[in-house]
Amino acid sequence: MSGARTTIFELNGQRYQLSKMDPVIGGFLWQKFVAAGFKASLSFRTAESASSEVTDVPETTPEQRTRGAVAIGLTQFSLEDYRQLVKETMNVVRRLTSLEAAQEVPMPVRSDDGRWAFPDLAEDPMAVTRLMTEALVFNLTSFLD
């Protein structure tokens, strides 16, 4: 997945195109997630778990590990950081909209001023979170390949 410049996925009956982020933004976000994951691991660690040996850890794919890093990292983000993250990830998300002759055209999901281009997204925090997560996984999995 990391070699492709775009990927398509479906959510709530809509098709979306995800693109690669600017490498500076992607690298910065990766560092934010690494730091947030480290902070989270420190806050969840107990003396007992620190001294016990971990066994039978299931094998995971780079994509699964990225999803885990995103899920854990988001717990450590401030509201301001989260808003910036939504802004950066939505810059690489396009909804595929059908026009004449069944041609799909990628349309930005947010305008430059931050307004949602599609009313259903403006009212659906779960869909926005899923779009953000998918954009992050598409862009950050290459760090774990």
Protein backbone atom coordinates (compact mmCIF):
# COMPACT_ATOMS: atom_id res chain seq x y z
CA MET A 1 0.00 0.00 0.00
CA SER A 2 2.85 2.44 0.69
CA GLY A 3 4.06 2.60 -2.95
CA ALA A 4 0.81 3.83 -4.48
CA ARG A 5 0.18 7.59 -4.73
CA THR A 6 -3.57 7.15 -4.20
CA THR A 7 -5.99 4.53 -2.94
CA ILE A 8 -9.76 4.22 -2.98
CA PHE A 9 -12.00 3.02 -0.17
CA GLU A 10 -15.71 3.07 0.60
CA LEU A 11 -17.45 4.49 3.66
CA ASN A 12 -21.20 4.76 4.19
CA GLY A 13 -21.92 4.07 0.54
CA GLN A 14 -19.52 6.77 -0.69
CA ARG A 15 -16.19 6.20 -2.43
CA TYR A 16 -13.19 8.21 -1.31
CA GLN A 17 -9.75 8.75 -2.80
CA LEU A 18 -6.82 9.15 -0.42
CA SER A 19 -3.59 10.75 -1.62
CA LYS A 20 -0.09 10.92 -0.21
CA MET A 21 0.69 13.83 2.12
CA ASP A 22 3.52 16.25 1.74
CA PRO A 23 6.52 14.34 3.17
CA VAL A 24 7.25 17.06 5.74
CA ILE A 25 3.69 16.87 7.09
CA GLY A 26 3.73 13.05 7.05
CA GLY A 27 7.07 12.90 8.86
CA PHE A 28 5.94 15.45 11.43
CA LEU A 29 2.72 13.52 12.09
CA TRP A 30 4.65 10.28 12.46
CA GLN A 31 6.86 11.91 15.11
CA LYS A 32 3.74 13.21 16.91
CA PHE A 33 2.29 9.69 17.00
CA VAL A 34 5.55 8.15 18.19
CA ALA A 35 5.79 10.71 21.01
CA ALA A 36 2.10 10.33 21.90
CA GLY A 37 2.45 6.54 21.93
CA PHE A 38 5.46 6.75 24.21
CA LYS A 39 3.60 9.11 26.55
CA ALA A 40 0.60 6.78 26.57
CA SER A 41 2.77 3.75 27.32
CA LEU A 42 4.27 5.53 30.31
CA SER A 43 0.87 6.44 31.70
CA PHE A 44 -0.52 2.89 31.32
CA ARG A 45 2.52 1.05 32.59
CA THR A 46 2.40 -0.46 36.07
CA ALA A 47 5.22 -1.83 38.16
CA GLU A 48 3.83 -5.34 37.75
CA SER A 49 3.55 -5.17 33.96
CA ALA A 50 6.99 -3.59 33.70
CA SER A 51 8.57 -6.56 35.41
CA SER A 52 6.55 -9.31 33.73
CA GLU A 53 7.65 -10.97 30.54
CA VAL A 54 5.47 -10.56 27.46
CA THR A 55 4.76 -13.81 25.66
CA ASP A 56 2.55 -14.96 22.81
CA VAL A 57 2.32 -11.59 21.09
CA PRO A 58 0.33 -12.16 17.89
CA GLU A 59 1.95 -11.32 14.57
CA THR A 60 0.65 -8.05 13.13
CA THR A 61 0.96 -6.34 9.78
CA PRO A 62 2.45 -2.86 9.35
CA GLU A 63 -1.08 -1.57 8.66
CA GLN A 64 -2.39 -3.07 11.92
CA ARG A 65 0.52 -1.57 13.87
CA THR A 66 -0.14 1.83 12.27
CA ARG A 67 -3.82 1.63 13.23
CA GLY A 68 -2.76 0.83 16.80
CA ALA A 69 -0.31 3.74 16.89
CA VAL A 70 -3.01 6.08 15.62
CA ALA A 71 -5.59 4.83 18.14
CA ILE A 72 -3.20 5.14 21.08
CA GLY A 73 -1.68 8.39 19.87
CA LEU A 74 -5.03 10.13 19.50
CA THR A 75 -5.68 9.65 23.21
CA GLN A 76 -2.76 12.00 23.89
CA PHE A 77 -3.65 14.79 21.45
CA SER A 78 -5.01 18.12 22.63
CA LEU A 79 -8.12 19.52 20.95
CA GLU A 80 -5.93 22.00 19.09
CA ASP A 81 -3.64 19.18 17.87
CA TYR A 82 -6.69 17.14 16.87
CA ARG A 83 -8.14 20.02 14.85
CA GLN A 84 -4.82 20.46 13.05
CA LEU A 85 -4.70 16.73 12.38
CA VAL A 86 -8.20 16.78 10.87
CA LYS A 87 -7.18 19.73 8.69
CA GLU A 88 -4.02 18.03 7.41
CA THR A 89 -5.65 14.67 6.78
CA MET A 90 -8.71 16.10 5.06
CA ASN A 91 -6.35 17.86 2.63
CA VAL A 92 -5.60 14.43 1.15
CA VAL A 93 -9.16 13.05 1.14
CA ARG A 94 -11.45 13.42 -1.87
CA ARG A 95 -14.97 12.11 -2.32
CA LEU A 96 -15.51 10.51 -5.71
CA THR A 97 -18.62 12.18 -7.12
CA SER A 98 -20.37 10.86 -10.22
CA LEU A 99 -20.95 13.30 -13.02
CA GLU A 100 -22.30 12.82 -16.52
CA ALA A 101 -21.47 9.58 -18.33
CA ALA A 102 -20.77 7.83 -14.99
CA GLN A 103 -17.39 9.54 -14.65
CA GLU A 104 -16.18 9.90 -11.05
CA VAL A 105 -14.51 13.16 -10.15
CA PRO A 106 -12.51 13.55 -6.90
CA MET A 107 -13.94 16.47 -4.91
CA PRO A 108 -12.29 17.92 -1.75
CA VAL A 109 -14.23 17.11 1.42
CA ARG A 110 -13.36 20.48 3.00
CA SER A 111 -12.99 23.94 1.55
CA ASP A 112 -9.89 26.06 2.12
CA ASP A 113 -11.70 27.97 4.87
CA GLY A 114 -12.42 24.73 6.77
CA ARG A 115 -16.09 24.29 5.90
CA TRP A 116 -17.26 20.81 5.02
CA ALA A 117 -18.10 20.40 1.34
CA PHE A 118 -20.65 17.66 2.05
CA PRO A 119 -23.39 18.20 4.67
CA ASP A 120 -23.38 14.54 5.72
CA LEU A 121 -19.74 14.83 6.85
CA ALA A 122 -20.43 18.05 8.76
CA GLU A 123 -22.84 16.08 10.94
CA ASP A 124 -20.97 12.78 11.32
CA PRO A 125 -17.97 12.76 13.66
CA MET A 126 -17.56 8.99 13.25
CA ALA A 127 -17.22 9.30 9.47
CA VAL A 128 -14.70 12.14 9.84
CA THR A 129 -12.71 10.09 12.35
CA ARG A 130 -12.72 7.11 9.99
CA LEU A 131 -11.61 9.27 7.04
CA MET A 132 -8.83 10.74 9.17
CA THR A 133 -7.73 7.28 10.33
CA GLU A 134 -7.72 5.86 6.81
CA ALA A 135 -5.69 8.84 5.53
CA LEU A 136 -3.18 8.37 8.35
CA VAL A 137 -2.88 4.63 7.79
CA PHE A 138 -2.37 5.15 4.05
CA ASN A 139 0.31 7.78 4.68
CA LEU A 140 2.12 6.42 7.74
CA THR A 141 2.22 2.64 7.24
CA SER A 142 5.42 2.95 5.21
CA PHE A 143 7.24 3.86 8.44
CA LEU A 144 6.58 0.28 9.66
CA ASP A 145 7.17 -1.66 6.42
